[in-house]
Amino acid sequence: MAHVIVDTCEKDMLCIDSCPSNAIHPLKEETEWEAASQLYINPEECMDCGACISTCPTNSIYLAEEVPADKAEFVAKNAAYYGK
């Protein structure tokens, strides 16, 4: 199961730097950067390594099955960002 970023994300890019599979977007150089309110993890590219969790200063990253009930919609929002 992939990891999920929720709305407390501050787009600090630390998770992007720690992700060995480059599954987190948008990057600053991508056109979507300014419009995106947060970062998103591609569920098909996430390796479930957990490297991003320990680097997130806002505790905004969860395993999909462990997302708090009040943030459950972010599982679908992460997937929808990638058209999945």
C-alpha atoms as a PDB file:
ATOM      1  CA  MET A   1       0.000   0.000   0.000  1.00  0.00           C
ATOM      2  CA  ALA A   2       1.337   3.428  -0.929  1.00  0.00           C
ATOM      3  CA  HIS A   3       1.960   6.373   1.314  1.00  0.00           C
ATOM      4  CA  VAL A   4      -0.326   9.418   1.296  1.00  0.00           C
ATOM      5  CA  ILE A   5       0.285  13.110   1.954  1.00  0.00           C
ATOM      6  CA  VAL A   6      -2.495  15.047   3.705  1.00  0.00           C
ATOM      7  CA  ASP A   7      -3.446  18.728   3.827  1.00  0.00           C
ATOM      8  CA  THR A   8      -0.994  19.718   6.565  1.00  0.00           C
ATOM      9  CA  CYS A   9       1.777  19.521   3.947  1.00  0.00           C
ATOM     10  CA  GLU A  10       3.758  22.759   3.656  1.00  0.00           C
ATOM     11  CA  LYS A  11       5.582  21.862   0.399  1.00  0.00           C
ATOM     12  CA  ASP A  12       8.982  22.051   2.103  1.00  0.00           C
ATOM     13  CA  MET A  13      10.394  19.484  -0.381  1.00  0.00           C
ATOM     14  CA  LEU A  14      12.192  17.400   2.267  1.00  0.00           C
ATOM     15  CA  CYS A  15      10.132  14.346   1.352  1.00  0.00           C
ATOM     16  CA  ILE A  16      10.951  14.815  -2.324  1.00  0.00           C
ATOM     17  CA  ASP A  17      14.651  14.819  -1.518  1.00  0.00           C
ATOM     18  CA  SER A  18      14.331  11.608   0.511  1.00  0.00           C
ATOM     19  CA  CYS A  19      12.197   9.625  -1.975  1.00  0.00           C
ATOM     20  CA  PRO A  20      14.311   7.041  -3.853  1.00  0.00           C
ATOM     21  CA  SER A  21      11.543   6.353  -6.384  1.00  0.00           C
ATOM     22  CA  ASN A  22      10.795   9.991  -7.261  1.00  0.00           C
ATOM     23  CA  ALA A  23       7.105   9.333  -6.538  1.00  0.00           C
ATOM     24  CA  ILE A  24       6.396  12.748  -4.959  1.00  0.00           C
ATOM     25  CA  HIS A  25       5.290  15.742  -7.027  1.00  0.00           C
ATOM     26  CA  PRO A  26       4.956  18.476  -8.088  1.00  0.00           C
ATOM     27  CA  LEU A  27       8.556  19.586  -8.181  1.00  0.00           C
ATOM     28  CA  LYS A  28       9.410  23.292  -8.079  1.00  0.00           C
ATOM     29  CA  GLU A  29      10.345  23.201 -11.762  1.00  0.00           C
ATOM     30  CA  GLU A  30       6.993  21.713 -12.778  1.00  0.00           C
ATOM     31  CA  THR A  31       4.234  24.032 -13.928  1.00  0.00           C
ATOM     32  CA  GLU A  32       1.824  22.632 -11.316  1.00  0.00           C
ATOM     33  CA  TRP A  33       4.025  23.798  -8.408  1.00  0.00           C
ATOM     34  CA  GLU A  34       2.399  27.199  -7.834  1.00  0.00           C
ATOM     35  CA  ALA A  35      -1.184  25.945  -8.121  1.00  0.00           C
ATOM     36  CA  ALA A  36      -0.716  22.886  -5.901  1.00  0.00           C
ATOM     37  CA  SER A  37      -1.729  23.372  -2.295  1.00  0.00           C
ATOM     38  CA  GLN A  38       0.377  20.395  -1.219  1.00  0.00           C
ATOM     39  CA  LEU A  39       2.620  17.605  -2.499  1.00  0.00           C
ATOM     40  CA  TYR A  40       1.247  14.236  -3.647  1.00  0.00           C
ATOM     41  CA  ILE A  41       2.591  10.672  -3.737  1.00  0.00           C
ATOM     42  CA  ASN A  42       1.989   8.596  -6.852  1.00  0.00           C
ATOM     43  CA  PRO A  43       0.482   5.333  -5.540  1.00  0.00           C
ATOM     44  CA  GLU A  44       1.877   3.350  -8.474  1.00  0.00           C
ATOM     45  CA  GLU A  45       5.448   4.602  -8.034  1.00  0.00           C
ATOM     46  CA  CYS A  46       5.670   4.593  -4.230  1.00  0.00           C
ATOM     47  CA  MET A  47       7.964   1.793  -3.022  1.00  0.00           C
ATOM     48  CA  ASP A  48       6.571   1.889   0.530  1.00  0.00           C
ATOM     49  CA  CYS A  49      10.045   2.434   1.921  1.00  0.00           C
ATOM     50  CA  GLY A  50       8.894   5.076   4.418  1.00  0.00           C
ATOM     51  CA  ALA A  51      11.893   7.349   3.870  1.00  0.00           C
ATOM     52  CA  CYS A  52       9.583  10.328   3.391  1.00  0.00           C
ATOM     53  CA  ILE A  53       7.798   9.871   6.731  1.00  0.00           C
ATOM     54  CA  SER A  54      10.822  10.620   8.898  1.00  0.00           C
ATOM     55  CA  THR A  55      11.776  13.715   6.897  1.00  0.00           C
ATOM     56  CA  CYS A  56       8.349  15.397   7.066  1.00  0.00           C
ATOM     57  CA  PRO A  57       8.404  18.104   9.770  1.00  0.00           C
ATOM     58  CA  THR A  58       4.601  18.440   9.722  1.00  0.00           C
ATOM     59  CA  ASN A  59       3.830  14.700  10.083  1.00  0.00           C
ATOM     60  CA  SER A  60       1.741  14.876   6.914  1.00  0.00           C
ATOM     61  CA  ILE A  61       2.642  11.457   5.457  1.00  0.00           C
ATOM     62  CA  TYR A  62       0.903   8.199   6.322  1.00  0.00           C
ATOM     63  CA  LEU A  63       0.572   4.687   5.007  1.00  0.00           C
ATOM     64  CA  ALA A  64      -2.691   4.698   3.056  1.00  0.00           C
ATOM     65  CA  GLU A  65      -4.303   2.250   5.454  1.00  0.00           C
ATOM     66  CA  GLU A  66      -3.244   4.356   8.467  1.00  0.00           C
ATOM     67  CA  VAL A  67      -4.546   7.755   7.324  1.00  0.00           C
ATOM     68  CA  PRO A  68      -6.654   9.247  10.151  1.00  0.00           C
ATOM     69  CA  ALA A  69     -10.401   8.999   9.536  1.00  0.00           C
ATOM     70  CA  ASP A  70     -10.754  12.783   9.259  1.00  0.00           C
ATOM     71  CA  LYS A  71      -8.136  12.803   6.461  1.00  0.00           C
ATOM     72  CA  ALA A  72      -9.386   9.726   4.555  1.00  0.00           C
ATOM     73  CA  GLU A  73     -10.272  11.739   1.448  1.00  0.00           C
ATOM     74  CA  PHE A  74      -6.567  12.360   0.831  1.00  0.00           C
ATOM     75  CA  VAL A  75      -6.022   8.750  -0.255  1.00  0.00           C
ATOM     76  CA  ALA A  76      -8.218   9.478  -3.275  1.00  0.00           C
ATOM     77  CA  LYS A  77      -6.829  13.011  -3.714  1.00  0.00           C
ATOM     78  CA  ASN A  78      -3.247  11.710  -3.992  1.00  0.00           C
ATOM     79  CA  ALA A  79      -4.312   9.131  -6.592  1.00  0.00           C
ATOM     80  CA  ALA A  80      -6.474  11.668  -8.462  1.00  0.00           C
ATOM     81  CA  TYR A  81      -3.529  14.053  -8.813  1.00  0.00           C
ATOM     82  CA  TYR A  82      -1.906  11.393 -10.987  1.00  0.00           C
ATOM     83  CA  GLY A  83      -5.101  10.502 -12.801  1.00  0.00           C
ATOM     84  CA  LYS A  84      -5.307   7.098 -11.149  1.00  0.00           C
END
